[in-house]
Every structure is written in C-alpha cells, then in structure tokens.
Amino acid sequence: MRIDNEMKLEFLSKSQNESFARSVVAAFAAQLDPTIEELSEIKTSVSEAVTNCIIHGYENKQGRISIICRLNGSMVEVEIIDEGKGIENIDIAKQPLYTSKPELERSGMGFTVMETLMDELEIISEKDVGTRIIMRKTINNDN
C-alpha cells in the first residue's frame, strides 16, 4: 500500500487518554478535508476501539495502546493495537449487544458501531497476545 502520510501514537491504557487519542486521529485525518460528519464517525470509531482496549484488553491492568494512522489518497486507515488478553472468539464479540462485561453495564455495540461508521473493519486477535483493529474510511472530497 502506498502511504502519503503516517503517524504513530502510543499511550497508557488510562480512560482519560481516550479523548486524547480521538482528537489526535481527528487532527491527523483533517488533512483530507473531511466533512464534520466524516470526522465525527472517525472519532467515534477510535473512541470505541480505544475503550475496548482499556476495558476488555487490559481489564484492571495498565498497558500500552498504539495507534498508527495512515493517509493514502482520500483514504484514512487507523490501526489500534493493544497487548492485552486478546479476544477468544471474534465472531461472538462482533455480535450486537454482546459484552464480556455485563456487570459494567456496557452496551456491547462497539464493533457494530465501528462497522457501521467505517468502510472497513478488520480484527486480528490472539489470546494472551493482544488485539489489532484496523479501520479504513474513504473521505468523499466532493464537499
């Protein structure tokens, strides 16, 4: 894949870093001149993915979350990586309303939201190794 621009961000899996991560990705993606709606969709998807890393990937432990954001033409790719506990069954985890933390009153809609708002969603996970979420969205530059 040809890359026009790329950035990498790494931070601790603290809930206060979720808004920071979404803001950084949005600022980087702004180079493609997205609409406010497109930017909001990217920010929401990043929030869902980072929150999953914090709550499910690391549970009550502290770890690192990495985000690699790439621009290629009018496409933005956001890769979010944790080295947490991994997802045992991705197909089950992707089902709407499924949550592994019902006691936290989670909605279980994170992956559904990401799939709905982004053009592509790829989930790669290995138990006790971590999870990599890759999301892609083409910005319609006919604003």
N, C-alpha and C. Protein backbone atom coordinates (compact mmCIF):
# COMPACT_ATOMS: atom_id res chain seq x y z
N MET A 1 0.84 -1.19 0.00
CA MET A 1 0.00 0.00 0.00
C MET A 1 0.88 1.24 0.00
N ARG A 2 0.60 2.14 -0.89
CA ARG A 2 1.29 3.43 -0.92
C ARG A 2 0.81 4.27 0.26
N ILE A 3 1.71 4.99 0.89
CA ILE A 3 1.34 5.82 2.04
C ILE A 3 1.74 7.26 1.74
N ASP A 4 0.76 8.16 1.82
CA ASP A 4 1.03 9.58 1.61
C ASP A 4 1.52 10.25 2.89
N ASN A 5 1.03 9.79 4.02
CA ASN A 5 1.44 10.33 5.31
C ASN A 5 1.11 9.30 6.38
N GLU A 6 1.85 9.36 7.50
CA GLU A 6 1.66 8.39 8.56
C GLU A 6 2.08 9.00 9.89
N MET A 7 1.39 8.58 10.95
CA MET A 7 1.79 8.98 12.30
C MET A 7 1.56 7.82 13.24
N LYS A 8 2.31 7.82 14.34
CA LYS A 8 2.14 6.79 15.36
C LYS A 8 2.03 7.46 16.72
N LEU A 9 1.11 6.96 17.52
CA LEU A 9 0.85 7.49 18.85
C LEU A 9 0.84 6.31 19.80
N GLU A 10 1.48 6.48 20.96
CA GLU A 10 1.47 5.43 21.97
C GLU A 10 1.16 6.06 23.32
N PHE A 11 0.28 5.41 24.09
CA PHE A 11 -0.11 5.97 25.37
C PHE A 11 -0.53 4.85 26.31
N LEU A 12 -0.62 5.17 27.59
CA LEU A 12 -1.04 4.20 28.60
C LEU A 12 -2.55 3.96 28.50
N SER A 13 -2.95 2.78 28.89
CA SER A 13 -4.37 2.39 28.80
C SER A 13 -5.16 2.98 29.98
N LYS A 14 -5.21 4.29 30.01
CA LYS A 14 -5.99 5.01 31.02
C LYS A 14 -7.19 5.63 30.32
N SER A 15 -8.32 5.61 30.98
CA SER A 15 -9.55 6.10 30.34
C SER A 15 -9.43 7.58 29.94
N GLN A 16 -8.65 8.36 30.69
CA GLN A 16 -8.52 9.78 30.33
C GLN A 16 -7.76 9.99 29.01
N ASN A 17 -7.10 8.96 28.49
CA ASN A 17 -6.40 9.08 27.22
C ASN A 17 -7.29 8.82 26.00
N GLU A 18 -8.50 8.32 26.23
CA GLU A 18 -9.41 8.03 25.11
C GLU A 18 -9.74 9.28 24.32
N SER A 19 -10.08 10.38 24.98
CA SER A 19 -10.42 11.61 24.26
C SER A 19 -9.20 12.20 23.58
N PHE A 20 -8.03 12.04 24.19
CA PHE A 20 -6.78 12.50 23.57
C PHE A 20 -6.55 11.75 22.26
N ALA A 21 -6.71 10.43 22.29
CA ALA A 21 -6.48 9.60 21.10
C ALA A 21 -7.41 9.98 19.96
N ARG A 22 -8.68 10.17 20.26
CA ARG A 22 -9.64 10.53 19.20
C ARG A 22 -9.34 11.90 18.62
N SER A 23 -8.89 12.83 19.46
CA SER A 23 -8.55 14.18 18.99
C SER A 23 -7.32 14.17 18.08
N VAL A 24 -6.32 13.37 18.46
CA VAL A 24 -5.09 13.29 17.65
C VAL A 24 -5.40 12.68 16.28
N VAL A 25 -6.16 11.59 16.27
CA VAL A 25 -6.51 10.96 14.99
C VAL A 25 -7.34 11.91 14.13
N ALA A 26 -8.28 12.61 14.75
CA ALA A 26 -9.11 13.57 14.00
C ALA A 26 -8.26 14.69 13.41
N ALA A 27 -7.32 15.19 14.19
CA ALA A 27 -6.44 16.26 13.69
C ALA A 27 -5.61 15.77 12.51
N PHE A 28 -5.12 14.54 12.60
CA PHE A 28 -4.33 13.98 11.50
C PHE A 28 -5.20 13.76 10.26
N ALA A 29 -6.39 13.20 10.44
CA ALA A 29 -7.29 12.92 9.32
C ALA A 29 -7.81 14.21 8.68
N ALA A 30 -7.78 15.32 9.40
CA ALA A 30 -8.28 16.60 8.89
C ALA A 30 -7.53 17.04 7.63
N GLN A 31 -6.34 16.50 7.40
CA GLN A 31 -5.58 16.82 6.18
C GLN A 31 -6.35 16.46 4.91
N LEU A 32 -7.28 15.50 5.02
CA LEU A 32 -8.06 15.06 3.87
C LEU A 32 -9.31 15.89 3.66
N ASP A 33 -9.50 16.90 4.48
CA ASP A 33 -10.65 17.80 4.39
C ASP A 33 -11.99 17.06 4.48
N PRO A 34 -12.16 16.25 5.53
CA PRO A 34 -13.43 15.53 5.69
C PRO A 34 -14.55 16.46 6.12
N THR A 35 -15.77 16.00 5.93
CA THR A 35 -16.92 16.74 6.46
C THR A 35 -16.93 16.57 7.98
N ILE A 36 -17.70 17.37 8.66
CA ILE A 36 -17.83 17.25 10.11
C ILE A 36 -18.39 15.87 10.45
N GLU A 37 -19.33 15.38 9.63
CA GLU A 37 -19.91 14.06 9.86
C GLU A 37 -18.85 12.95 9.71
N GLU A 38 -18.03 13.03 8.67
CA GLU A 38 -16.98 12.03 8.47
C GLU A 38 -15.98 12.05 9.63
N LEU A 39 -15.61 13.24 10.06
CA LEU A 39 -14.68 13.38 11.19
C LEU A 39 -15.29 12.81 12.46
N SER A 40 -16.56 13.06 12.68
CA SER A 40 -17.26 12.53 13.85
C SER A 40 -17.30 11.01 13.82
N GLU A 41 -17.51 10.43 12.66
CA GLU A 41 -17.55 8.98 12.52
C GLU A 41 -16.19 8.36 12.85
N ILE A 42 -15.13 9.00 12.39
CA ILE A 42 -13.77 8.51 12.69
C ILE A 42 -13.51 8.62 14.19
N LYS A 43 -13.84 9.76 14.77
CA LYS A 43 -13.60 9.97 16.21
C LYS A 43 -14.38 8.97 17.05
N THR A 44 -15.63 8.73 16.70
CA THR A 44 -16.45 7.78 17.45
C THR A 44 -15.88 6.37 17.35
N SER A 45 -15.44 5.98 16.16
CA SER A 45 -14.86 4.65 15.96
C SER A 45 -13.57 4.48 16.75
N VAL A 46 -12.73 5.51 16.76
CA VAL A 46 -11.50 5.47 17.55
C VAL A 46 -11.84 5.34 19.03
N SER A 47 -12.82 6.10 19.50
CA SER A 47 -13.24 6.02 20.90
C SER A 47 -13.68 4.62 21.28
N GLU A 48 -14.47 3.99 20.43
CA GLU A 48 -14.95 2.63 20.70
C GLU A 48 -13.79 1.65 20.77
N ALA A 49 -12.86 1.75 19.83
CA ALA A 49 -11.73 0.82 19.79
C ALA A 49 -10.81 1.00 21.00
N VAL A 50 -10.50 2.24 21.33
CA VAL A 50 -9.62 2.51 22.47
C VAL A 50 -10.30 2.08 23.77
N THR A 51 -11.58 2.35 23.91
CA THR A 51 -12.32 1.94 25.10
C THR A 51 -12.30 0.42 25.23
N ASN A 52 -12.45 -0.30 24.11
CA ASN A 52 -12.37 -1.77 24.15
C ASN A 52 -11.00 -2.22 24.66
N CYS A 53 -9.94 -1.57 24.20
CA CYS A 53 -8.59 -1.92 24.66
C CYS A 53 -8.48 -1.75 26.17
N ILE A 54 -8.96 -0.63 26.66
CA ILE A 54 -8.83 -0.31 28.09
C ILE A 54 -9.67 -1.26 28.94
N ILE A 55 -10.94 -1.41 28.59
CA ILE A 55 -11.87 -2.18 29.42
C ILE A 55 -11.71 -3.69 29.25
N HIS A 56 -11.60 -4.14 28.01
CA HIS A 56 -11.58 -5.58 27.75
C HIS A 56 -10.17 -6.12 27.57
N GLY A 57 -9.32 -5.39 26.88
CA GLY A 57 -7.97 -5.88 26.61
C GLY A 57 -7.10 -5.94 27.85
N TYR A 58 -7.12 -4.86 28.60
CA TYR A 58 -6.25 -4.80 29.77
C TYR A 58 -6.99 -4.99 31.09
N GLU A 59 -8.31 -4.96 31.05
CA GLU A 59 -9.13 -5.09 32.24
C GLU A 59 -8.64 -4.13 33.32
N ASN A 60 -8.24 -4.59 34.46
CA ASN A 60 -7.81 -3.69 35.53
C ASN A 60 -6.30 -3.47 35.57
N LYS A 61 -5.62 -3.88 34.51
CA LYS A 61 -4.17 -3.72 34.45
C LYS A 61 -3.85 -2.53 33.54
N GLN A 62 -2.65 -2.01 33.71
CA GLN A 62 -2.21 -0.92 32.84
C GLN A 62 -1.32 -1.50 31.75
N GLY A 63 -1.52 -1.04 30.54
CA GLY A 63 -0.71 -1.46 29.41
C GLY A 63 -0.56 -0.31 28.44
N ARG A 64 -0.04 -0.60 27.28
CA ARG A 64 0.16 0.42 26.25
C ARG A 64 -0.80 0.18 25.09
N ILE A 65 -1.26 1.27 24.54
CA ILE A 65 -2.08 1.24 23.33
C ILE A 65 -1.34 2.03 22.27
N SER A 66 -1.24 1.47 21.09
CA SER A 66 -0.59 2.15 19.97
C SER A 66 -1.63 2.43 18.89
N ILE A 67 -1.51 3.58 18.28
CA ILE A 67 -2.34 3.92 17.13
C ILE A 67 -1.42 4.32 16.00
N ILE A 68 -1.62 3.69 14.87
CA ILE A 68 -0.91 4.07 13.64
C ILE A 68 -1.99 4.56 12.68
N CYS A 69 -1.81 5.76 12.20
CA CYS A 69 -2.78 6.36 11.29
C CYS A 69 -2.06 6.63 9.97
N ARG A 70 -2.66 6.18 8.89
CA ARG A 70 -2.06 6.35 7.56
C ARG A 70 -3.06 7.03 6.63
N LEU A 71 -2.53 7.89 5.78
CA LEU A 71 -3.33 8.52 4.73
C LEU A 71 -2.82 8.02 3.40
N ASN A 72 -3.74 7.65 2.53
CA ASN A 72 -3.40 7.19 1.19
C ASN A 72 -4.47 7.70 0.25
N GLY A 73 -4.13 8.71 -0.53
CA GLY A 73 -5.15 9.33 -1.39
C GLY A 73 -6.22 9.92 -0.51
N SER A 74 -7.47 9.50 -0.73
CA SER A 74 -8.58 10.02 0.08
C SER A 74 -8.99 9.04 1.19
N MET A 75 -8.14 8.03 1.44
CA MET A 75 -8.47 7.01 2.44
C MET A 75 -7.64 7.22 3.70
N VAL A 76 -8.32 7.09 4.84
CA VAL A 76 -7.64 7.12 6.14
C VAL A 76 -7.72 5.71 6.73
N GLU A 77 -6.59 5.23 7.21
CA GLU A 77 -6.53 3.93 7.87
C GLU A 77 -6.07 4.15 9.30
N VAL A 78 -6.80 3.59 10.24
CA VAL A 78 -6.48 3.72 11.66
C VAL A 78 -6.29 2.32 12.22
N GLU A 79 -5.10 2.08 12.75
CA GLU A 79 -4.77 0.79 13.33
C GLU A 79 -4.57 0.99 14.83
N ILE A 80 -5.32 0.26 15.64
CA ILE A 80 -5.27 0.40 17.09
C ILE A 80 -4.85 -0.94 17.67
N ILE A 81 -3.76 -0.92 18.46
CA ILE A 81 -3.12 -2.14 18.90
C ILE A 81 -2.98 -2.16 20.42
N ASP A 82 -3.34 -3.29 21.02
CA ASP A 82 -3.04 -3.48 22.44
C ASP A 82 -2.33 -4.83 22.60
N GLU A 83 -1.70 -5.00 23.72
CA GLU A 83 -1.02 -6.26 24.04
C GLU A 83 -1.71 -6.89 25.24
N GLY A 84 -3.02 -6.81 25.24
CA GLY A 84 -3.83 -7.31 26.34
C GLY A 84 -4.15 -8.79 26.21
N LYS A 85 -5.31 -9.16 26.75
CA LYS A 85 -5.65 -10.57 26.85
C LYS A 85 -6.17 -11.18 25.55
N GLY A 86 -6.46 -10.36 24.55
CA GLY A 86 -6.95 -10.88 23.28
C GLY A 86 -8.43 -11.22 23.33
N ILE A 87 -8.99 -11.53 22.18
CA ILE A 87 -10.41 -11.87 22.06
C ILE A 87 -10.48 -13.36 21.76
N GLU A 88 -11.19 -14.08 22.60
CA GLU A 88 -11.27 -15.53 22.44
C GLU A 88 -12.01 -15.92 21.16
N ASN A 89 -13.15 -15.27 20.88
CA ASN A 89 -13.93 -15.59 19.70
C ASN A 89 -14.43 -14.29 19.06
N ILE A 90 -13.78 -13.87 17.98
CA ILE A 90 -14.10 -12.59 17.33
C ILE A 90 -15.53 -12.58 16.81
N ASP A 91 -15.99 -13.69 16.24
CA ASP A 91 -17.35 -13.73 15.70
C ASP A 91 -18.39 -13.46 16.79
N ILE A 92 -18.20 -14.04 17.96
CA ILE A 92 -19.12 -13.79 19.06
C ILE A 92 -18.99 -12.34 19.54
N ALA A 93 -17.75 -11.86 19.67
CA ALA A 93 -17.51 -10.49 20.15
C ALA A 93 -18.13 -9.44 19.22
N LYS A 94 -18.24 -9.75 17.94
CA LYS A 94 -18.81 -8.80 16.98
C LYS A 94 -20.33 -8.76 16.98
N GLN A 95 -20.97 -9.69 17.65
CA GLN A 95 -22.43 -9.73 17.66
C GLN A 95 -22.98 -8.51 18.43
N PRO A 96 -23.97 -7.84 17.85
CA PRO A 96 -24.58 -6.71 18.55
C PRO A 96 -25.09 -7.11 19.93
N LEU A 97 -24.86 -6.27 20.88
CA LEU A 97 -25.28 -6.42 22.28
C LEU A 97 -24.46 -7.41 23.08
N TYR A 98 -23.45 -8.06 22.45
CA TYR A 98 -22.60 -8.96 23.22
C TYR A 98 -21.60 -8.13 24.03
N THR A 99 -21.46 -8.46 25.29
CA THR A 99 -20.42 -7.85 26.11
C THR A 99 -19.85 -8.89 27.06
N SER A 100 -18.56 -8.84 27.24
CA SER A 100 -17.92 -9.74 28.20
C SER A 100 -17.92 -9.13 29.60
N LYS A 101 -18.47 -7.91 29.71
CA LYS A 101 -18.50 -7.20 30.99
C LYS A 101 -19.92 -6.68 31.29
N PRO A 102 -20.91 -7.58 31.41
CA PRO A 102 -22.27 -7.11 31.67
C PRO A 102 -22.41 -6.39 33.01
N GLU A 103 -21.53 -6.71 33.96
CA GLU A 103 -21.59 -6.06 35.27
C GLU A 103 -21.23 -4.57 35.18
N LEU A 104 -20.57 -4.17 34.11
CA LEU A 104 -20.22 -2.75 33.91
C LEU A 104 -21.29 -2.02 33.11
N GLU A 105 -22.37 -2.70 32.80
CA GLU A 105 -23.46 -2.12 32.02
C GLU A 105 -22.98 -1.57 30.67
N ARG A 106 -22.13 -2.33 30.01
CA ARG A 106 -21.65 -1.98 28.67
C ARG A 106 -22.74 -2.34 27.66
N SER A 107 -22.83 -1.59 26.58
CA SER A 107 -23.90 -1.84 25.61
C SER A 107 -23.59 -2.99 24.67
N GLY A 108 -22.33 -3.33 24.50
CA GLY A 108 -21.98 -4.41 23.59
C GLY A 108 -22.13 -4.03 22.13
N MET A 109 -22.01 -2.74 21.83
CA MET A 109 -22.21 -2.27 20.46
C MET A 109 -20.94 -1.71 19.82
N GLY A 110 -19.80 -1.84 20.48
CA GLY A 110 -18.56 -1.24 19.99
C GLY A 110 -18.19 -1.64 18.58
N PHE A 111 -18.09 -2.95 18.32
CA PHE A 111 -17.72 -3.40 16.98
C PHE A 111 -18.80 -3.07 15.96
N THR A 112 -20.06 -3.13 16.37
CA THR A 112 -21.17 -2.78 15.46
C THR A 112 -21.06 -1.31 15.06
N VAL A 113 -20.76 -0.45 16.02
CA VAL A 113 -20.60 0.98 15.73
C VAL A 113 -19.44 1.18 14.76
N MET A 114 -18.31 0.53 15.02
CA MET A 114 -17.14 0.67 14.13
C MET A 114 -17.46 0.20 12.72
N GLU A 115 -18.14 -0.95 12.61
CA GLU A 115 -18.50 -1.48 11.29
C GLU A 115 -19.45 -0.56 10.55
N THR A 116 -20.36 0.07 11.28
CA THR A 116 -21.35 0.95 10.68
C THR A 116 -20.73 2.26 10.20
N LEU A 117 -19.84 2.83 10.99
CA LEU A 117 -19.31 4.16 10.70
C LEU A 117 -18.10 4.16 9.76
N MET A 118 -17.38 3.06 9.71
CA MET A 118 -16.19 2.99 8.86
C MET A 118 -16.50 2.13 7.64
N ASP A 119 -15.70 2.27 6.58
CA ASP A 119 -15.91 1.48 5.38
C ASP A 119 -15.44 0.03 5.55
N GLU A 120 -14.36 -0.15 6.31
CA GLU A 120 -13.80 -1.48 6.52
C GLU A 120 -13.39 -1.63 7.98
N LEU A 121 -13.58 -2.82 8.51
CA LEU A 121 -13.13 -3.15 9.87
C LEU A 121 -12.50 -4.52 9.83
N GLU A 122 -11.27 -4.60 10.31
CA GLU A 122 -10.55 -5.87 10.39
C GLU A 122 -10.10 -6.05 11.84
N ILE A 123 -10.36 -7.22 12.39
CA ILE A 123 -9.98 -7.51 13.78
C ILE A 123 -9.07 -8.72 13.78
N ILE A 124 -7.88 -8.53 14.33
CA ILE A 124 -6.91 -9.61 14.44
C ILE A 124 -6.59 -9.73 15.93
N SER A 125 -6.79 -10.91 16.48
CA SER A 125 -6.59 -11.07 17.91
C SER A 125 -6.09 -12.45 18.23
N GLU A 126 -5.24 -12.51 19.24
CA GLU A 126 -4.74 -13.78 19.72
C GLU A 126 -4.79 -13.78 21.24
N LYS A 127 -5.36 -14.84 21.79
CA LYS A 127 -5.49 -14.94 23.24
C LYS A 127 -4.14 -14.77 23.92
N ASP A 128 -4.11 -13.93 24.93
CA ASP A 128 -2.92 -13.63 25.74
C ASP A 128 -1.80 -12.92 24.98
N VAL A 129 -2.08 -12.46 23.76
CA VAL A 129 -1.08 -11.73 22.96
C VAL A 129 -1.54 -10.30 22.70
N GLY A 130 -2.84 -10.15 22.38
CA GLY A 130 -3.37 -8.82 22.13
C GLY A 130 -4.27 -8.76 20.91
N THR A 131 -4.70 -7.53 20.62
CA THR A 131 -5.66 -7.31 19.55
C THR A 131 -5.21 -6.14 18.69
N ARG A 132 -5.46 -6.29 17.41
CA ARG A 132 -5.17 -5.25 16.41
C ARG A 132 -6.46 -4.98 15.66
N ILE A 133 -6.91 -3.74 15.70
CA ILE A 133 -8.12 -3.35 14.98
C ILE A 133 -7.69 -2.39 13.88
N ILE A 134 -8.07 -2.70 12.66
CA ILE A 134 -7.74 -1.86 11.51
C ILE A 134 -9.05 -1.37 10.90
N MET A 135 -9.16 -0.05 10.83
CA MET A 135 -10.38 0.56 10.28
C MET A 135 -9.97 1.46 9.11
N ARG A 136 -10.77 1.43 8.06
CA ARG A 136 -10.50 2.28 6.90
C ARG A 136 -11.76 3.05 6.52
N LYS A 137 -11.53 4.28 6.09
CA LYS A 137 -12.64 5.12 5.65
C LYS A 137 -12.15 5.99 4.50
N THR A 138 -12.91 6.01 3.42
CA THR A 138 -12.60 6.90 2.30
C THR A 138 -13.36 8.19 2.51
N ILE A 139 -12.63 9.28 2.43
CA ILE A 139 -13.22 10.60 2.59
C ILE A 139 -13.72 11.05 1.23
N ASN A 140 -15.00 11.40 1.16
CA ASN A 140 -15.61 11.83 -0.10
C ASN A 140 -15.32 13.32 -0.27
N ASN A 141 -14.30 13.63 -1.03
CA ASN A 141 -13.85 15.00 -1.19
C ASN A 141 -14.70 15.84 -2.14
N ASP A 142 -15.99 15.56 -2.19
CA ASP A 142 -16.88 16.38 -3.01
C ASP A 142 -17.67 17.32 -2.11
N ASN A 143 -17.01 17.79 -1.03
CA ASN A 143 -17.65 18.71 -0.06
C ASN A 143 -17.90 20.06 -0.70
